[in-house]
Amino acid sequence: MTGPAGAAGPAVTPDAPVAATGDKMPLSVWLRQQREDRGWSRREQARRLIAVGRDAGDTAMPSVDDMTKNTRRWERGDNEPTERYKLYYCKTFESPVAEFGVTAPGTDALSLIATVNTHGLSVSLGYVSGRLVIEISGLDTQDGEPQPGPGLSLVTAPDPPRYYGGRA
């Protein structure tokens, strides 16, 4: 099958996903995945981009219909957003500029800092995408309630806390 005007190669259908090559995810796939992970339509994404642009003092923002068309083109890989729109995407996705389009969500490797194994409990500290990650395993022991050793205590509650003190 050929593309438009007899061009060689497979035909590209509208909204067809572009496959990732190697470890790098194409920006178009990353943009679409980020939007879909939030449950937003393209129109909702367009509204959010426009709102962020206006909040930043950008008086040349396009209409919702035009921005929706731009979003569709960017997600198909027809072209990439300009730097100003990349910044607006970062605001709408609440992600640092350095992480924009870099990797697939959740695929960064954990940079291990420390691991402690004691009394059947394992606690690991590490960083992923600049965030501290604490992994705890061994809480579901079948041998009854373990007794904490010297300098070690673990308090668990049946209900999650109501206030976390900030973003996790």
C-alpha atoms as a PDB file:
ATOM      1  CA  MET A   1       0.000   0.000   0.000  1.00  0.00           C
ATOM      2  CA  THR A   2       1.249   3.485  -0.718  1.00  0.00           C
ATOM      3  CA  GLY A   3       0.732   6.802   0.998  1.00  0.00           C
ATOM      4  CA  PRO A   4      -0.788   9.942  -0.507  1.00  0.00           C
ATOM      5  CA  ALA A   5      -0.021  10.822  -4.135  1.00  0.00           C
ATOM      6  CA  GLY A   6       1.622   7.450  -4.725  1.00  0.00           C
ATOM      7  CA  ALA A   7       4.394   8.026  -2.175  1.00  0.00           C
ATOM      8  CA  ALA A   8       6.231   4.875  -1.199  1.00  0.00           C
ATOM      9  CA  GLY A   9       5.620   3.348   2.232  1.00  0.00           C
ATOM     10  CA  PRO A  10       2.589   2.443   4.276  1.00  0.00           C
ATOM     11  CA  ALA A  11      -0.453   4.664   4.264  1.00  0.00           C
ATOM     12  CA  VAL A  12      -0.920   6.629   7.453  1.00  0.00           C
ATOM     13  CA  THR A  13      -4.460   6.780   8.746  1.00  0.00           C
ATOM     14  CA  PRO A  14      -5.657   9.749  10.786  1.00  0.00           C
ATOM     15  CA  ASP A  15      -4.849   9.360  14.467  1.00  0.00           C
ATOM     16  CA  ALA A  16      -2.780   6.233  13.837  1.00  0.00           C
ATOM     17  CA  PRO A  17      -0.173   5.809  16.571  1.00  0.00           C
ATOM     18  CA  VAL A  18       3.475   6.168  15.623  1.00  0.00           C
ATOM     19  CA  ALA A  19       5.551   3.271  16.905  1.00  0.00           C
ATOM     20  CA  ALA A  20       8.348   3.869  19.388  1.00  0.00           C
ATOM     21  CA  THR A  21      11.826   3.118  18.114  1.00  0.00           C
ATOM     22  CA  GLY A  22      14.340   1.631  20.510  1.00  0.00           C
ATOM     23  CA  ASP A  23      14.113   3.118  23.989  1.00  0.00           C
ATOM     24  CA  LYS A  24      12.975   6.545  22.791  1.00  0.00           C
ATOM     25  CA  MET A  25       9.284   7.266  22.495  1.00  0.00           C
ATOM     26  CA  PRO A  26       8.316   9.693  19.701  1.00  0.00           C
ATOM     27  CA  LEU A  27       7.017  13.020  20.996  1.00  0.00           C
ATOM     28  CA  SER A  28       3.703  12.493  19.202  1.00  0.00           C
ATOM     29  CA  VAL A  29       3.095   9.225  21.079  1.00  0.00           C
ATOM     30  CA  TRP A  30       4.201  10.784  24.372  1.00  0.00           C
ATOM     31  CA  LEU A  31       1.816  13.739  23.956  1.00  0.00           C
ATOM     32  CA  ARG A  32      -1.131  11.497  23.169  1.00  0.00           C
ATOM     33  CA  GLN A  33      -0.348   9.119  26.018  1.00  0.00           C
ATOM     34  CA  GLN A  34      -0.072  11.966  28.522  1.00  0.00           C
ATOM     35  CA  ARG A  35      -3.427  13.379  27.423  1.00  0.00           C
ATOM     36  CA  GLU A  36      -5.177  10.021  27.430  1.00  0.00           C
ATOM     37  CA  ASP A  37      -3.716   9.082  30.837  1.00  0.00           C
ATOM     38  CA  ARG A  38      -5.523  12.130  32.219  1.00  0.00           C
ATOM     39  CA  GLY A  39      -8.778  11.222  30.484  1.00  0.00           C
ATOM     40  CA  TRP A  40      -8.832  14.434  28.442  1.00  0.00           C
ATOM     41  CA  SER A  41     -10.233  14.804  24.957  1.00  0.00           C
ATOM     42  CA  ARG A  42      -8.219  16.762  22.412  1.00  0.00           C
ATOM     43  CA  ARG A  43     -10.667  19.613  22.826  1.00  0.00           C
ATOM     44  CA  GLU A  44     -10.130  19.625  26.601  1.00  0.00           C
ATOM     45  CA  GLN A  45      -6.356  19.609  26.056  1.00  0.00           C
ATOM     46  CA  ALA A  46      -6.778  22.558  23.679  1.00  0.00           C
ATOM     47  CA  ARG A  47      -8.811  24.491  26.264  1.00  0.00           C
ATOM     48  CA  ARG A  48      -6.154  23.869  28.905  1.00  0.00           C
ATOM     49  CA  LEU A  49      -3.324  24.967  26.602  1.00  0.00           C
ATOM     50  CA  ILE A  50      -5.220  28.161  25.759  1.00  0.00           C
ATOM     51  CA  ALA A  51      -5.913  28.895  29.437  1.00  0.00           C
ATOM     52  CA  VAL A  52      -2.246  28.427  30.359  1.00  0.00           C
ATOM     53  CA  GLY A  53      -1.175  30.635  27.455  1.00  0.00           C
ATOM     54  CA  ARG A  54      -3.560  33.396  28.451  1.00  0.00           C
ATOM     55  CA  ASP A  55      -2.419  33.131  32.083  1.00  0.00           C
ATOM     56  CA  ALA A  56       1.137  33.636  30.815  1.00  0.00           C
ATOM     57  CA  GLY A  57       0.056  36.824  29.009  1.00  0.00           C
ATOM     58  CA  ASP A  58       0.023  35.330  25.506  1.00  0.00           C
ATOM     59  CA  THR A  59      -2.524  37.412  23.591  1.00  0.00           C
ATOM     60  CA  ALA A  60      -2.043  35.506  20.315  1.00  0.00           C
ATOM     61  CA  MET A  61      -3.673  32.224  21.366  1.00  0.00           C
ATOM     62  CA  PRO A  62      -5.720  30.505  18.649  1.00  0.00           C
ATOM     63  CA  SER A  63      -9.356  29.485  18.984  1.00  0.00           C
ATOM     64  CA  VAL A  64     -10.319  26.187  20.608  1.00  0.00           C
ATOM     65  CA  ASP A  65     -11.066  24.676  17.184  1.00  0.00           C
ATOM     66  CA  ASP A  66      -7.686  25.693  15.769  1.00  0.00           C
ATOM     67  CA  MET A  67      -5.841  24.519  18.886  1.00  0.00           C
ATOM     68  CA  THR A  68      -7.672  21.175  18.700  1.00  0.00           C
ATOM     69  CA  LYS A  69      -6.450  20.809  15.092  1.00  0.00           C
ATOM     70  CA  ASN A  70      -2.900  21.656  16.214  1.00  0.00           C
ATOM     71  CA  THR A  71      -3.121  19.076  18.991  1.00  0.00           C
ATOM     72  CA  ARG A  72      -4.268  16.445  16.494  1.00  0.00           C
ATOM     73  CA  ARG A  73      -1.356  17.261  14.152  1.00  0.00           C
ATOM     74  CA  TRP A  74       1.170  17.151  16.998  1.00  0.00           C
ATOM     75  CA  GLU A  75      -0.172  13.795  18.210  1.00  0.00           C
ATOM     76  CA  ARG A  76      -0.064  12.335  14.697  1.00  0.00           C
ATOM     77  CA  GLY A  77       3.541  13.439  14.310  1.00  0.00           C
ATOM     78  CA  ASP A  78       2.845  15.745  11.358  1.00  0.00           C
ATOM     79  CA  ASN A  79       4.922  18.401  13.132  1.00  0.00           C
ATOM     80  CA  GLU A  80       6.024  19.325  16.658  1.00  0.00           C
ATOM     81  CA  PRO A  81       4.768  22.063  18.945  1.00  0.00           C
ATOM     82  CA  THR A  82       6.890  25.199  19.141  1.00  0.00           C
ATOM     83  CA  GLU A  83       8.832  26.011  22.296  1.00  0.00           C
ATOM     84  CA  ARG A  84       6.038  28.168  23.711  1.00  0.00           C
ATOM     85  CA  TYR A  85       3.524  25.328  23.346  1.00  0.00           C
ATOM     86  CA  LYS A  86       5.971  22.866  24.880  1.00  0.00           C
ATOM     87  CA  LEU A  87       6.096  25.153  27.917  1.00  0.00           C
ATOM     88  CA  TYR A  88       2.290  25.322  27.976  1.00  0.00           C
ATOM     89  CA  TYR A  89       2.124  21.516  27.793  1.00  0.00           C
ATOM     90  CA  CYS A  90       4.459  21.322  30.795  1.00  0.00           C
ATOM     91  CA  LYS A  91       2.084  23.556  32.743  1.00  0.00           C
ATOM     92  CA  THR A  92      -0.999  21.543  31.780  1.00  0.00           C
ATOM     93  CA  PHE A  93       0.717  18.217  32.551  1.00  0.00           C
ATOM     94  CA  GLU A  94       2.334  19.645  35.714  1.00  0.00           C
ATOM     95  CA  SER A  95       5.699  18.249  34.673  1.00  0.00           C
ATOM     96  CA  PRO A  96       9.179  19.793  34.688  1.00  0.00           C
ATOM     97  CA  VAL A  97      10.444  21.152  31.376  1.00  0.00           C
ATOM     98  CA  ALA A  98      13.421  18.756  31.539  1.00  0.00           C
ATOM     99  CA  GLU A  99      11.021  15.769  31.452  1.00  0.00           C
ATOM    100  CA  PHE A 100       8.946  16.983  28.483  1.00  0.00           C
ATOM    101  CA  GLY A 101       8.716  14.155  25.955  1.00  0.00           C
ATOM    102  CA  VAL A 102      11.855  12.464  27.261  1.00  0.00           C
ATOM    103  CA  THR A 103      10.650   8.997  28.217  1.00  0.00           C
ATOM    104  CA  ALA A 104       7.586   6.884  28.417  1.00  0.00           C
ATOM    105  CA  PRO A 105       5.846   7.369  31.762  1.00  0.00           C
ATOM    106  CA  GLY A 106       6.990   4.864  34.334  1.00  0.00           C
ATOM    107  CA  THR A 107       9.895   3.498  32.293  1.00  0.00           C
ATOM    108  CA  ASP A 108      12.737   5.339  34.016  1.00  0.00           C
ATOM    109  CA  ALA A 109      15.157   3.109  35.883  1.00  0.00           C
ATOM    110  CA  LEU A 110      15.363   3.400  39.654  1.00  0.00           C
ATOM    111  CA  SER A 111      18.662   4.874  40.868  1.00  0.00           C
ATOM    112  CA  LEU A 112      19.078   2.934  44.077  1.00  0.00           C
ATOM    113  CA  ILE A 113      20.403   4.866  47.082  1.00  0.00           C
ATOM    114  CA  ALA A 114      20.057   2.364  49.922  1.00  0.00           C
ATOM    115  CA  THR A 115      18.350  -0.879  50.892  1.00  0.00           C
ATOM    116  CA  VAL A 116      17.737  -2.221  54.393  1.00  0.00           C
ATOM    117  CA  ASN A 117      16.608  -5.802  55.026  1.00  0.00           C
ATOM    118  CA  THR A 118      15.723  -6.769  58.588  1.00  0.00           C
ATOM    119  CA  HIS A 119      13.062  -8.855  60.348  1.00  0.00           C
ATOM    120  CA  GLY A 120      11.502  -9.891  57.020  1.00  0.00           C
ATOM    121  CA  LEU A 121      11.027  -6.278  55.993  1.00  0.00           C
ATOM    122  CA  SER A 122      12.817  -4.679  53.040  1.00  0.00           C
ATOM    123  CA  VAL A 123      13.017  -0.898  52.587  1.00  0.00           C
ATOM    124  CA  SER A 124      14.654   0.601  49.488  1.00  0.00           C
ATOM    125  CA  LEU A 125      15.287   4.269  48.741  1.00  0.00           C
ATOM    126  CA  GLY A 126      15.936   5.514  45.239  1.00  0.00           C
ATOM    127  CA  TYR A 127      15.309   8.230  42.669  1.00  0.00           C
ATOM    128  CA  VAL A 128      13.204   8.072  39.509  1.00  0.00           C
ATOM    129  CA  SER A 129      12.849  11.177  37.342  1.00  0.00           C
ATOM    130  CA  GLY A 130      14.161  13.363  40.163  1.00  0.00           C
ATOM    131  CA  ARG A 131      11.662  12.046  42.702  1.00  0.00           C
ATOM    132  CA  LEU A 132      12.423  10.113  45.860  1.00  0.00           C
ATOM    133  CA  VAL A 133      10.913   6.626  45.812  1.00  0.00           C
ATOM    134  CA  ILE A 134      10.493   4.513  48.943  1.00  0.00           C
ATOM    135  CA  GLU A 135       9.662   0.857  48.326  1.00  0.00           C
ATOM    136  CA  ILE A 136       8.605  -1.280  51.280  1.00  0.00           C
ATOM    137  CA  SER A 137       8.017  -5.016  51.029  1.00  0.00           C
ATOM    138  CA  GLY A 138       7.446  -7.820  53.507  1.00  0.00           C
ATOM    139  CA  LEU A 139       4.500  -6.212  55.310  1.00  0.00           C
ATOM    140  CA  ASP A 140       2.165  -9.108  54.652  1.00  0.00           C
ATOM    141  CA  THR A 141       3.827 -11.720  56.884  1.00  0.00           C
ATOM    142  CA  GLN A 142       1.838 -14.819  57.806  1.00  0.00           C
ATOM    143  CA  ASP A 143       3.755 -15.539  61.033  1.00  0.00           C
ATOM    144  CA  GLY A 144       1.727 -13.174  63.200  1.00  0.00           C
ATOM    145  CA  GLU A 145       2.744  -9.657  64.148  1.00  0.00           C
ATOM    146  CA  PRO A 146       6.548  -9.291  64.028  1.00  0.00           C
ATOM    147  CA  GLN A 147       8.199  -7.643  66.990  1.00  0.00           C
ATOM    148  CA  PRO A 148      10.363  -4.661  66.077  1.00  0.00           C
ATOM    149  CA  GLY A 149      14.041  -4.945  66.855  1.00  0.00           C
ATOM    150  CA  PRO A 150      16.159  -2.295  68.520  1.00  0.00           C
ATOM    151  CA  GLY A 151      15.783   1.040  66.764  1.00  0.00           C
ATOM    152  CA  LEU A 152      13.161  -0.282  64.348  1.00  0.00           C
ATOM    153  CA  SER A 153       9.435   0.232  64.610  1.00  0.00           C
ATOM    154  CA  LEU A 154       6.715   0.175  62.012  1.00  0.00           C
ATOM    155  CA  VAL A 155       3.272   1.600  62.606  1.00  0.00           C
ATOM    156  CA  THR A 156       0.512   0.663  60.200  1.00  0.00           C
ATOM    157  CA  ALA A 157      -3.050   1.943  60.118  1.00  0.00           C
ATOM    158  CA  PRO A 158      -6.102   0.357  58.502  1.00  0.00           C
ATOM    159  CA  ASP A 159      -7.092   3.652  56.829  1.00  0.00           C
ATOM    160  CA  PRO A 160      -4.896   5.872  54.642  1.00  0.00           C
ATOM    161  CA  PRO A 161      -3.985   9.256  56.086  1.00  0.00           C
ATOM    162  CA  ARG A 162      -6.328  12.095  55.215  1.00  0.00           C
ATOM    163  CA  TYR A 163      -3.513  14.588  54.639  1.00  0.00           C
ATOM    164  CA  TYR A 164      -0.247  13.718  52.974  1.00  0.00           C
ATOM    165  CA  GLY A 165       1.543  17.035  53.508  1.00  0.00           C
ATOM    166  CA  GLY A 166       2.214  17.770  49.840  1.00  0.00           C
ATOM    167  CA  ARG A 167       2.637  16.096  46.503  1.00  0.00           C
ATOM    168  CA  ALA A 168       3.933  12.576  46.529  1.00  0.00           C
END
